[in-house]
Amino acid sequence: MYIALRMIRGIFGFIFALQVIGLLPAITLLAKPEQITGEMLAVLFVKFIALVISGVLFFYGRVGINALHKKFKGEPHPSLRKTWSL
């Protein structure tokens, strides 16, 4: 059960990283605001929403896995001591 939850958490972490990398070109849009279109803003908005959702699921997934492990085993999951660990 913990392996499946950790794999799902890893997928959300990967999606989070992809969204961060995908938002980096948006910084270049700030240099030329006259070239910004409504379609670009819509894509940027969707990427930002995906970033927030995947980030919340990644970071709070650790909390949920630790809570389940603590409930059944009496201690937090030994592999999830750090925030970024999978």
N, C-alpha and C. Protein backbone atom coordinates (compact mmCIF):
# COMPACT_ATOMS: atom_id res chain seq x y z
N MET A 1 0.82 -1.19 0.00
CA MET A 1 0.00 0.00 0.00
C MET A 1 0.87 1.25 0.00
N TYR A 2 1.92 1.24 0.80
CA TYR A 2 2.77 2.42 0.88
C TYR A 2 3.54 2.65 -0.42
N ILE A 3 3.89 1.55 -1.09
CA ILE A 3 4.61 1.68 -2.36
C ILE A 3 3.73 2.37 -3.39
N ALA A 4 2.47 2.00 -3.48
CA ALA A 4 1.55 2.62 -4.43
C ALA A 4 1.35 4.10 -4.11
N LEU A 5 1.19 4.42 -2.84
CA LEU A 5 1.01 5.82 -2.44
C LEU A 5 2.27 6.64 -2.74
N ARG A 6 3.43 6.05 -2.52
CA ARG A 6 4.67 6.76 -2.79
C ARG A 6 4.88 6.92 -4.29
N MET A 7 4.44 5.95 -5.09
CA MET A 7 4.55 6.09 -6.54
C MET A 7 3.63 7.19 -7.06
N ILE A 8 2.42 7.25 -6.54
CA ILE A 8 1.49 8.31 -6.92
C ILE A 8 2.05 9.66 -6.51
N ARG A 9 2.63 9.73 -5.33
CA ARG A 9 3.26 10.97 -4.87
C ARG A 9 4.41 11.36 -5.79
N GLY A 10 5.18 10.38 -6.26
CA GLY A 10 6.27 10.64 -7.19
C GLY A 10 5.77 11.18 -8.52
N ILE A 11 4.65 10.67 -8.99
CA ILE A 11 4.07 11.17 -10.24
C ILE A 11 3.66 12.62 -10.07
N PHE A 12 3.04 12.96 -8.95
CA PHE A 12 2.66 14.35 -8.72
C PHE A 12 3.88 15.25 -8.57
N GLY A 13 4.95 14.72 -7.99
CA GLY A 13 6.20 15.48 -7.91
C GLY A 13 6.78 15.74 -9.28
N PHE A 14 6.70 14.74 -10.17
CA PHE A 14 7.18 14.91 -11.54
C PHE A 14 6.36 15.95 -12.28
N ILE A 15 5.04 15.89 -12.13
CA ILE A 15 4.16 16.89 -12.75
C ILE A 15 4.47 18.28 -12.21
N PHE A 16 4.72 18.37 -10.91
CA PHE A 16 5.08 19.65 -10.29
C PHE A 16 6.35 20.22 -10.92
N ALA A 17 7.37 19.36 -11.08
CA ALA A 17 8.63 19.80 -11.67
C ALA A 17 8.44 20.23 -13.13
N LEU A 18 7.62 19.50 -13.87
CA LEU A 18 7.36 19.87 -15.26
C LEU A 18 6.66 21.23 -15.35
N GLN A 19 5.76 21.49 -14.44
CA GLN A 19 5.05 22.76 -14.47
C GLN A 19 5.98 23.93 -14.13
N VAL A 20 6.90 23.70 -13.19
CA VAL A 20 7.87 24.74 -12.85
C VAL A 20 8.74 25.05 -14.07
N ILE A 21 9.21 23.99 -14.73
CA ILE A 21 10.03 24.19 -15.93
C ILE A 21 9.21 24.84 -17.03
N GLY A 22 7.94 24.47 -17.15
CA GLY A 22 7.07 25.06 -18.17
C GLY A 22 6.74 26.53 -17.92
N LEU A 23 6.79 26.96 -16.67
CA LEU A 23 6.50 28.36 -16.36
C LEU A 23 7.72 29.27 -16.54
N LEU A 24 8.90 28.69 -16.63
CA LEU A 24 10.09 29.52 -16.80
C LEU A 24 10.07 30.37 -18.06
N PRO A 25 9.60 29.88 -19.22
CA PRO A 25 9.51 30.75 -20.39
C PRO A 25 8.55 31.92 -20.22
N ALA A 26 7.65 31.83 -19.27
CA ALA A 26 6.71 32.93 -19.03
C ALA A 26 7.44 34.16 -18.51
N ILE A 27 8.61 33.96 -17.92
CA ILE A 27 9.39 35.11 -17.47
C ILE A 27 9.81 35.97 -18.65
N THR A 28 10.07 35.34 -19.80
CA THR A 28 10.45 36.10 -21.00
C THR A 28 9.29 36.93 -21.52
N LEU A 29 8.06 36.55 -21.19
CA LEU A 29 6.91 37.34 -21.63
C LEU A 29 6.88 38.70 -20.96
N LEU A 30 7.47 38.80 -19.78
CA LEU A 30 7.45 40.08 -19.07
C LEU A 30 8.28 41.14 -19.78
N ALA A 31 9.27 40.71 -20.58
CA ALA A 31 10.12 41.66 -21.29
C ALA A 31 9.39 42.30 -22.48
N LYS A 32 8.44 41.59 -23.08
CA LYS A 32 7.71 42.09 -24.24
C LYS A 32 6.20 41.96 -24.01
N PRO A 33 5.62 42.82 -23.20
CA PRO A 33 4.20 42.66 -22.88
C PRO A 33 3.27 42.89 -24.07
N GLU A 34 3.74 43.54 -25.12
CA GLU A 34 2.87 43.78 -26.28
C GLU A 34 2.62 42.49 -27.07
N GLN A 35 3.42 41.46 -26.87
CA GLN A 35 3.26 40.21 -27.59
C GLN A 35 2.38 39.21 -26.85
N ILE A 36 1.92 39.56 -25.68
CA ILE A 36 1.09 38.65 -24.88
C ILE A 36 -0.32 38.62 -25.45
N THR A 37 -0.82 37.41 -25.70
CA THR A 37 -2.18 37.25 -26.20
C THR A 37 -3.05 36.59 -25.13
N GLY A 38 -4.32 36.57 -25.40
CA GLY A 38 -5.24 35.92 -24.47
C GLY A 38 -4.99 34.43 -24.37
N GLU A 39 -4.60 33.81 -25.48
CA GLU A 39 -4.31 32.37 -25.48
C GLU A 39 -3.11 32.07 -24.60
N MET A 40 -2.09 32.91 -24.64
CA MET A 40 -0.92 32.73 -23.78
C MET A 40 -1.29 32.84 -22.31
N LEU A 41 -2.14 33.79 -22.00
CA LEU A 41 -2.57 33.95 -20.61
C LEU A 41 -3.39 32.76 -20.14
N ALA A 42 -4.21 32.21 -21.03
CA ALA A 42 -5.01 31.04 -20.66
C ALA A 42 -4.11 29.84 -20.38
N VAL A 43 -3.11 29.62 -21.23
CA VAL A 43 -2.17 28.52 -21.02
C VAL A 43 -1.40 28.73 -19.73
N LEU A 44 -0.99 29.95 -19.49
CA LEU A 44 -0.26 30.28 -18.27
C LEU A 44 -1.12 30.02 -17.03
N PHE A 45 -2.38 30.37 -17.11
CA PHE A 45 -3.30 30.15 -16.00
C PHE A 45 -3.49 28.65 -15.73
N VAL A 46 -3.66 27.86 -16.79
CA VAL A 46 -3.84 26.41 -16.64
C VAL A 46 -2.58 25.78 -16.05
N LYS A 47 -1.41 26.21 -16.52
CA LYS A 47 -0.15 25.69 -15.98
C LYS A 47 0.00 26.05 -14.50
N PHE A 48 -0.38 27.25 -14.14
CA PHE A 48 -0.28 27.67 -12.75
C PHE A 48 -1.22 26.86 -11.86
N ILE A 49 -2.43 26.62 -12.33
CA ILE A 49 -3.38 25.81 -11.56
C ILE A 49 -2.86 24.39 -11.41
N ALA A 50 -2.30 23.81 -12.49
CA ALA A 50 -1.73 22.46 -12.42
C ALA A 50 -0.54 22.44 -11.46
N LEU A 51 0.25 23.51 -11.44
CA LEU A 51 1.38 23.62 -10.52
C LEU A 51 0.91 23.61 -9.07
N VAL A 52 -0.11 24.38 -8.79
CA VAL A 52 -0.62 24.46 -7.42
C VAL A 52 -1.21 23.12 -6.97
N ILE A 53 -2.02 22.51 -7.82
CA ILE A 53 -2.67 21.25 -7.45
C ILE A 53 -1.64 20.15 -7.26
N SER A 54 -0.71 20.02 -8.20
CA SER A 54 0.29 18.95 -8.08
C SER A 54 1.24 19.22 -6.91
N GLY A 55 1.54 20.48 -6.63
CA GLY A 55 2.38 20.82 -5.49
C GLY A 55 1.72 20.47 -4.17
N VAL A 56 0.45 20.79 -4.06
CA VAL A 56 -0.28 20.47 -2.83
C VAL A 56 -0.35 18.96 -2.64
N LEU A 57 -0.65 18.22 -3.71
CA LEU A 57 -0.74 16.77 -3.59
C LEU A 57 0.61 16.14 -3.30
N PHE A 58 1.69 16.71 -3.84
CA PHE A 58 3.02 16.18 -3.58
C PHE A 58 3.44 16.43 -2.13
N PHE A 59 3.33 17.66 -1.67
CA PHE A 59 3.82 17.99 -0.34
C PHE A 59 2.92 17.45 0.77
N TYR A 60 1.60 17.48 0.57
CA TYR A 60 0.72 16.95 1.60
C TYR A 60 0.54 15.44 1.49
N GLY A 61 0.95 14.86 0.37
CA GLY A 61 0.95 13.40 0.25
C GLY A 61 1.91 12.78 1.25
N ARG A 62 3.02 13.44 1.48
CA ARG A 62 3.98 12.98 2.49
C ARG A 62 3.34 12.97 3.86
N VAL A 63 2.60 14.01 4.17
CA VAL A 63 1.92 14.09 5.47
C VAL A 63 0.90 12.96 5.62
N GLY A 64 0.16 12.69 4.55
CA GLY A 64 -0.84 11.62 4.60
C GLY A 64 -0.22 10.24 4.74
N ILE A 65 0.87 10.00 4.01
CA ILE A 65 1.54 8.70 4.11
C ILE A 65 2.13 8.52 5.50
N ASN A 66 2.73 9.58 6.03
CA ASN A 66 3.28 9.49 7.39
C ASN A 66 2.18 9.26 8.43
N ALA A 67 1.03 9.88 8.25
CA ALA A 67 -0.07 9.68 9.19
C ALA A 67 -0.58 8.24 9.15
N LEU A 68 -0.71 7.68 7.94
CA LEU A 68 -1.14 6.29 7.83
C LEU A 68 -0.11 5.35 8.45
N HIS A 69 1.15 5.61 8.18
CA HIS A 69 2.19 4.74 8.72
C HIS A 69 2.24 4.84 10.24
N LYS A 70 2.04 6.05 10.75
CA LYS A 70 2.05 6.25 12.20
C LYS A 70 0.85 5.55 12.85
N LYS A 71 -0.28 5.57 12.16
CA LYS A 71 -1.48 4.93 12.69
C LYS A 71 -1.30 3.42 12.80
N PHE A 72 -0.68 2.81 11.78
CA PHE A 72 -0.55 1.36 11.77
C PHE A 72 0.73 0.84 12.40
N LYS A 73 1.81 1.60 12.31
CA LYS A 73 3.10 1.12 12.81
C LYS A 73 3.60 1.86 14.05
N GLY A 74 3.01 3.01 14.35
CA GLY A 74 3.38 3.73 15.56
C GLY A 74 4.46 4.77 15.38
N GLU A 75 4.99 4.91 14.17
CA GLU A 75 6.03 5.92 13.89
C GLU A 75 5.89 6.39 12.44
N PRO A 76 6.40 7.58 12.12
CA PRO A 76 6.34 8.04 10.73
C PRO A 76 7.14 7.12 9.80
N HIS A 77 6.83 7.19 8.54
CA HIS A 77 7.51 6.35 7.55
C HIS A 77 8.99 6.70 7.54
N PRO A 78 9.88 5.72 7.66
CA PRO A 78 11.31 6.01 7.77
C PRO A 78 11.92 6.63 6.52
N SER A 79 11.34 6.39 5.36
CA SER A 79 11.89 6.94 4.12
C SER A 79 11.41 8.36 3.85
N LEU A 80 10.42 8.83 4.58
CA LEU A 80 9.85 10.14 4.31
C LEU A 80 10.16 11.15 5.41
N ARG A 81 11.36 11.15 5.89
CA ARG A 81 11.75 12.09 6.93
C ARG A 81 11.93 13.49 6.38
N LYS A 82 12.43 13.62 5.14
CA LYS A 82 12.67 14.92 4.53
C LYS A 82 11.50 15.26 3.59
N THR A 83 11.30 16.54 3.35
CA THR A 83 10.18 17.00 2.55
C THR A 83 10.26 16.50 1.11
N TRP A 84 11.44 16.46 0.52
CA TRP A 84 11.59 16.12 -0.90
C TRP A 84 11.78 14.63 -1.14
N SER A 85 11.91 13.83 -0.11
CA SER A 85 12.18 12.41 -0.32
C SER A 85 10.93 11.71 -0.84
N LEU A 86 11.14 10.74 -1.70
CA LEU A 86 10.03 9.98 -2.28
C LEU A 86 9.88 8.67 -1.55
